[in-house]
Amino acid sequence: MNDAMHKALNDQLNHEFYSAQVYMAMAAYLSGESLDGFANFFIVQAEEERFHAMKIYQFLNNRGKRVTIQGMETPNNTYKSVLDVYEQGYRHELEVTQKIYQLSDLAMNEREHATIQFLKWFIDEQVEEEALFDSIINKLKRIEKDSNAFFTLDEEFAKRSFSPPAL
């Protein structure tokens, strides 16, 4: 693995940790609004992002490359509504997808076959993440005026959990 690929993967690892911070900020906002189920959704998202970071961490270590942990900017902590939180989460996932695509392009250009194979998991994961956010946004728009449906969705998200697969 050349230096450019190593740096790009290390940057992505740090972005995954930043994504966890973004989702914890969203969870904190929702907790502050007494929407604990919606908050739990983002706590689980944060756990997934940390898992993604550690997956890259392990890959770099397995390739004999040193990981460097970087500082991160403060995520947004202000939102207008639950819908706004999910729309911003969706935009964040689109940004992550573009970063993964750029990594994949670099790996292909460098003929870095192990990294190409490794990144396929992340590409599939991003398809799932984008579909999940899109689905929730559509549901929130449909139930906007129905408080019973809104709180039912909140209760549903309260049951959500994360069980990480083996690294």
C-alpha atoms as a PDB file:
ATOM      1  CA  MET A   1       0.000   0.000   0.000  1.00  0.00           C
ATOM      2  CA  ASN A   2       1.473   3.320  -1.004  1.00  0.00           C
ATOM      3  CA  ASP A   3       1.485   6.471   1.140  1.00  0.00           C
ATOM      4  CA  ALA A   4      -1.463   8.091  -0.663  1.00  0.00           C
ATOM      5  CA  MET A   5      -3.720   5.070  -0.050  1.00  0.00           C
ATOM      6  CA  HIS A   6      -2.551   4.815   3.557  1.00  0.00           C
ATOM      7  CA  LYS A   7      -3.309   8.509   4.161  1.00  0.00           C
ATOM      8  CA  ALA A   8      -6.705   8.309   2.456  1.00  0.00           C
ATOM      9  CA  LEU A   9      -7.759   5.305   4.554  1.00  0.00           C
ATOM     10  CA  ASN A  10      -6.488   6.972   7.723  1.00  0.00           C
ATOM     11  CA  ASP A  11      -8.476  10.099   6.837  1.00  0.00           C
ATOM     12  CA  GLN A  12     -11.588   7.963   6.315  1.00  0.00           C
ATOM     13  CA  LEU A  13     -11.054   6.265   9.674  1.00  0.00           C
ATOM     14  CA  ASN A  14     -11.042   9.685  11.313  1.00  0.00           C
ATOM     15  CA  HIS A  15     -14.109  10.740   9.321  1.00  0.00           C
ATOM     16  CA  GLU A  16     -15.940   7.660  10.620  1.00  0.00           C
ATOM     17  CA  PHE A  17     -15.142   8.747  14.183  1.00  0.00           C
ATOM     18  CA  TYR A  18     -16.384  12.231  13.262  1.00  0.00           C
ATOM     19  CA  SER A  19     -19.584  10.665  11.903  1.00  0.00           C
ATOM     20  CA  ALA A  20     -20.108   9.066  15.312  1.00  0.00           C
ATOM     21  CA  GLN A  21     -19.819  12.536  16.845  1.00  0.00           C
ATOM     22  CA  VAL A  22     -22.335  13.922  14.338  1.00  0.00           C
ATOM     23  CA  TYR A  23     -24.820  11.210  15.282  1.00  0.00           C
ATOM     24  CA  MET A  24     -24.253  11.684  19.010  1.00  0.00           C
ATOM     25  CA  ALA A  25     -25.024  15.393  18.571  1.00  0.00           C
ATOM     26  CA  MET A  26     -28.255  14.404  16.831  1.00  0.00           C
ATOM     27  CA  ALA A  27     -29.046  11.964  19.641  1.00  0.00           C
ATOM     28  CA  ALA A  28     -28.416  14.675  22.225  1.00  0.00           C
ATOM     29  CA  TYR A  29     -30.804  17.053  20.471  1.00  0.00           C
ATOM     30  CA  LEU A  30     -33.511  14.381  20.318  1.00  0.00           C
ATOM     31  CA  SER A  31     -32.979  13.392  23.961  1.00  0.00           C
ATOM     32  CA  GLY A  32     -33.370  17.036  24.849  1.00  0.00           C
ATOM     33  CA  GLU A  33     -36.739  16.958  23.091  1.00  0.00           C
ATOM     34  CA  SER A  34     -37.753  13.868  25.150  1.00  0.00           C
ATOM     35  CA  LEU A  35     -37.731  11.700  22.029  1.00  0.00           C
ATOM     36  CA  ASP A  36     -35.685   8.869  23.444  1.00  0.00           C
ATOM     37  CA  GLY A  37     -36.517   6.372  20.698  1.00  0.00           C
ATOM     38  CA  PHE A  38     -35.352   8.728  17.971  1.00  0.00           C
ATOM     39  CA  ALA A  39     -32.295   9.495  20.117  1.00  0.00           C
ATOM     40  CA  ASN A  40     -31.590   5.765  20.411  1.00  0.00           C
ATOM     41  CA  PHE A  41     -31.655   5.479  16.623  1.00  0.00           C
ATOM     42  CA  PHE A  42     -28.727   7.900  16.434  1.00  0.00           C
ATOM     43  CA  ILE A  43     -26.885   6.348  19.373  1.00  0.00           C
ATOM     44  CA  VAL A  44     -26.971   3.079  17.422  1.00  0.00           C
ATOM     45  CA  GLN A  45     -25.830   4.951  14.294  1.00  0.00           C
ATOM     46  CA  ALA A  46     -22.886   6.323  16.293  1.00  0.00           C
ATOM     47  CA  GLU A  47     -21.969   2.794  17.419  1.00  0.00           C
ATOM     48  CA  GLU A  48     -22.024   1.669  13.793  1.00  0.00           C
ATOM     49  CA  GLU A  49     -19.759   4.541  12.746  1.00  0.00           C
ATOM     50  CA  ARG A  50     -17.255   3.681  15.466  1.00  0.00           C
ATOM     51  CA  PHE A  51     -17.384   0.076  14.257  1.00  0.00           C
ATOM     52  CA  HIS A  52     -16.632   1.283  10.720  1.00  0.00           C
ATOM     53  CA  ALA A  53     -13.652   3.258  12.021  1.00  0.00           C
ATOM     54  CA  MET A  54     -12.342   0.225  13.873  1.00  0.00           C
ATOM     55  CA  LYS A  55     -12.782  -1.927  10.769  1.00  0.00           C
ATOM     56  CA  ILE A  56     -10.457   0.456   8.909  1.00  0.00           C
ATOM     57  CA  TYR A  57      -8.145   0.557  11.945  1.00  0.00           C
ATOM     58  CA  GLN A  58      -7.821  -3.235  11.878  1.00  0.00           C
ATOM     59  CA  PHE A  59      -7.311  -3.293   8.106  1.00  0.00           C
ATOM     60  CA  LEU A  60      -4.497  -0.750   8.292  1.00  0.00           C
ATOM     61  CA  ASN A  61      -2.870  -2.624  11.154  1.00  0.00           C
ATOM     62  CA  ASN A  62      -3.142  -5.881   9.236  1.00  0.00           C
ATOM     63  CA  ARG A  63      -1.392  -4.183   6.319  1.00  0.00           C
ATOM     64  CA  GLY A  64       1.431  -3.002   8.588  1.00  0.00           C
ATOM     65  CA  LYS A  65       0.349   0.649   8.466  1.00  0.00           C
ATOM     66  CA  ARG A  66       0.227   2.920  11.481  1.00  0.00           C
ATOM     67  CA  VAL A  67      -3.036   4.669  12.306  1.00  0.00           C
ATOM     68  CA  THR A  68      -2.955   8.323  13.286  1.00  0.00           C
ATOM     69  CA  ILE A  69      -5.924   9.690  15.227  1.00  0.00           C
ATOM     70  CA  GLN A  70      -6.728  13.303  14.371  1.00  0.00           C
ATOM     71  CA  GLY A  71      -8.773  16.000  16.052  1.00  0.00           C
ATOM     72  CA  MET A  72     -12.191  16.782  14.669  1.00  0.00           C
ATOM     73  CA  GLU A  73     -14.439  19.768  14.213  1.00  0.00           C
ATOM     74  CA  THR A  74     -17.446  20.320  16.428  1.00  0.00           C
ATOM     75  CA  PRO A  75     -20.554  18.829  14.820  1.00  0.00           C
ATOM     76  CA  ASN A  76     -23.779  20.760  14.420  1.00  0.00           C
ATOM     77  CA  ASN A  77     -25.849  20.666  17.613  1.00  0.00           C
ATOM     78  CA  THR A  78     -28.834  22.749  16.482  1.00  0.00           C
ATOM     79  CA  TYR A  79     -31.808  21.387  14.581  1.00  0.00           C
ATOM     80  CA  LYS A  80     -35.285  22.642  13.682  1.00  0.00           C
ATOM     81  CA  SER A  81     -37.195  19.372  13.996  1.00  0.00           C
ATOM     82  CA  VAL A  82     -36.949  15.597  13.920  1.00  0.00           C
ATOM     83  CA  LEU A  83     -37.326  15.734  10.141  1.00  0.00           C
ATOM     84  CA  ASP A  84     -34.451  18.221   9.942  1.00  0.00           C
ATOM     85  CA  VAL A  85     -32.254  15.850  11.961  1.00  0.00           C
ATOM     86  CA  TYR A  86     -32.930  12.964   9.582  1.00  0.00           C
ATOM     87  CA  GLU A  87     -32.499  15.132   6.492  1.00  0.00           C
ATOM     88  CA  GLN A  88     -29.116  16.296   7.792  1.00  0.00           C
ATOM     89  CA  GLY A  89     -28.246  12.680   8.637  1.00  0.00           C
ATOM     90  CA  TYR A  90     -29.131  11.673   5.083  1.00  0.00           C
ATOM     91  CA  ARG A  91     -26.946  14.442   3.634  1.00  0.00           C
ATOM     92  CA  HIS A  92     -24.130  13.261   5.894  1.00  0.00           C
ATOM     93  CA  GLU A  93     -24.507   9.703   4.570  1.00  0.00           C
ATOM     94  CA  LEU A  94     -24.379  11.001   0.984  1.00  0.00           C
ATOM     95  CA  GLU A  95     -21.111  12.740   1.873  1.00  0.00           C
ATOM     96  CA  VAL A  96     -19.711   9.527   3.365  1.00  0.00           C
ATOM     97  CA  THR A  97     -20.717   7.627   0.225  1.00  0.00           C
ATOM     98  CA  GLN A  98     -18.750  10.085  -1.919  1.00  0.00           C
ATOM     99  CA  LYS A  99     -15.707   9.641   0.327  1.00  0.00           C
ATOM    100  CA  ILE A 100     -15.948   5.855   0.025  1.00  0.00           C
ATOM    101  CA  TYR A 101     -16.265   6.156  -3.760  1.00  0.00           C
ATOM    102  CA  GLN A 102     -13.149   8.357  -3.846  1.00  0.00           C
ATOM    103  CA  LEU A 103     -11.278   5.757  -1.781  1.00  0.00           C
ATOM    104  CA  SER A 104     -12.445   3.030  -4.127  1.00  0.00           C
ATOM    105  CA  ASP A 105     -11.355   5.041  -7.169  1.00  0.00           C
ATOM    106  CA  LEU A 106      -7.933   5.594  -5.616  1.00  0.00           C
ATOM    107  CA  ALA A 107      -7.605   1.893  -4.791  1.00  0.00           C
ATOM    108  CA  MET A 108      -8.496   0.961  -8.372  1.00  0.00           C
ATOM    109  CA  ASN A 109      -6.055   3.516  -9.805  1.00  0.00           C
ATOM    110  CA  GLU A 110      -3.312   2.189  -7.541  1.00  0.00           C
ATOM    111  CA  ARG A 111      -4.230  -1.419  -8.380  1.00  0.00           C
ATOM    112  CA  GLU A 112      -4.523  -1.976  -4.627  1.00  0.00           C
ATOM    113  CA  HIS A 113      -6.531  -5.209  -4.873  1.00  0.00           C
ATOM    114  CA  ALA A 114      -6.788  -5.964  -1.154  1.00  0.00           C
ATOM    115  CA  THR A 115      -8.132  -2.473  -0.515  1.00  0.00           C
ATOM    116  CA  ILE A 116     -10.570  -2.750  -3.433  1.00  0.00           C
ATOM    117  CA  GLN A 117     -11.959  -5.911  -1.891  1.00  0.00           C
ATOM    118  CA  PHE A 118     -12.054  -4.353   1.591  1.00  0.00           C
ATOM    119  CA  LEU A 119     -13.966  -1.280   0.371  1.00  0.00           C
ATOM    120  CA  LYS A 120     -16.717  -3.342  -1.268  1.00  0.00           C
ATOM    121  CA  TRP A 121     -18.180  -3.914   2.207  1.00  0.00           C
ATOM    122  CA  PHE A 122     -18.336  -0.155   2.792  1.00  0.00           C
ATOM    123  CA  ILE A 123     -19.986   0.467  -0.574  1.00  0.00           C
ATOM    124  CA  ASP A 124     -22.709  -2.061   0.250  1.00  0.00           C
ATOM    125  CA  GLU A 125     -23.086  -0.513   3.707  1.00  0.00           C
ATOM    126  CA  GLN A 126     -23.604   2.942   2.213  1.00  0.00           C
ATOM    127  CA  VAL A 127     -26.375   1.687  -0.068  1.00  0.00           C
ATOM    128  CA  GLU A 128     -28.149   0.373   3.051  1.00  0.00           C
ATOM    129  CA  GLU A 129     -27.548   3.582   5.023  1.00  0.00           C
ATOM    130  CA  GLU A 130     -28.877   5.857   2.295  1.00  0.00           C
ATOM    131  CA  ALA A 131     -31.959   3.662   1.813  1.00  0.00           C
ATOM    132  CA  LEU A 132     -32.620   3.626   5.569  1.00  0.00           C
ATOM    133  CA  PHE A 133     -32.484   7.407   5.909  1.00  0.00           C
ATOM    134  CA  ASP A 134     -34.554   7.939   2.770  1.00  0.00           C
ATOM    135  CA  SER A 135     -37.225   5.570   4.075  1.00  0.00           C
ATOM    136  CA  ILE A 136     -37.391   7.267   7.470  1.00  0.00           C
ATOM    137  CA  ILE A 137     -37.594  10.730   5.902  1.00  0.00           C
ATOM    138  CA  ASN A 138     -40.489   9.587   3.738  1.00  0.00           C
ATOM    139  CA  LYS A 139     -42.270   8.135   6.787  1.00  0.00           C
ATOM    140  CA  LEU A 140     -41.736  11.310   8.786  1.00  0.00           C
ATOM    141  CA  LYS A 141     -43.168  13.402   5.978  1.00  0.00           C
ATOM    142  CA  ARG A 142     -46.237  11.143   5.753  1.00  0.00           C
ATOM    143  CA  ILE A 143     -46.921  11.149   9.499  1.00  0.00           C
ATOM    144  CA  GLU A 144     -46.115  14.813  10.025  1.00  0.00           C
ATOM    145  CA  LYS A 145     -49.610  15.616  11.335  1.00  0.00           C
ATOM    146  CA  ASP A 146     -50.298  12.260  13.026  1.00  0.00           C
ATOM    147  CA  SER A 147     -48.885  12.368  16.556  1.00  0.00           C
ATOM    148  CA  ASN A 148     -49.859   8.737  17.242  1.00  0.00           C
ATOM    149  CA  ALA A 149     -47.847   7.505  14.264  1.00  0.00           C
ATOM    150  CA  PHE A 150     -44.958   9.781  15.253  1.00  0.00           C
ATOM    151  CA  PHE A 151     -44.769   8.346  18.770  1.00  0.00           C
ATOM    152  CA  THR A 152     -45.194   4.800  17.451  1.00  0.00           C
ATOM    153  CA  LEU A 153     -42.107   5.361  15.297  1.00  0.00           C
ATOM    154  CA  ASP A 154     -40.295   6.772  18.349  1.00  0.00           C
ATOM    155  CA  GLU A 155     -41.150   3.589  20.284  1.00  0.00           C
ATOM    156  CA  GLU A 156     -39.992   1.427  17.367  1.00  0.00           C
ATOM    157  CA  PHE A 157     -36.601   3.159  17.299  1.00  0.00           C
ATOM    158  CA  ALA A 158     -36.251   2.700  21.059  1.00  0.00           C
ATOM    159  CA  LYS A 159     -35.928  -1.055  20.383  1.00  0.00           C
ATOM    160  CA  ARG A 160     -33.154  -0.663  17.816  1.00  0.00           C
ATOM    161  CA  SER A 161     -29.739  -2.064  18.730  1.00  0.00           C
ATOM    162  CA  PHE A 162     -26.364  -2.699  17.166  1.00  0.00           C
ATOM    163  CA  SER A 163     -24.668  -6.085  17.170  1.00  0.00           C
ATOM    164  CA  PRO A 164     -21.314  -5.695  15.451  1.00  0.00           C
ATOM    165  CA  PRO A 165     -20.150  -8.495  13.192  1.00  0.00           C
ATOM    166  CA  ALA A 166     -16.651  -9.785  13.811  1.00  0.00           C
ATOM    167  CA  LEU A 167     -13.890  -7.502  12.553  1.00  0.00           C
END
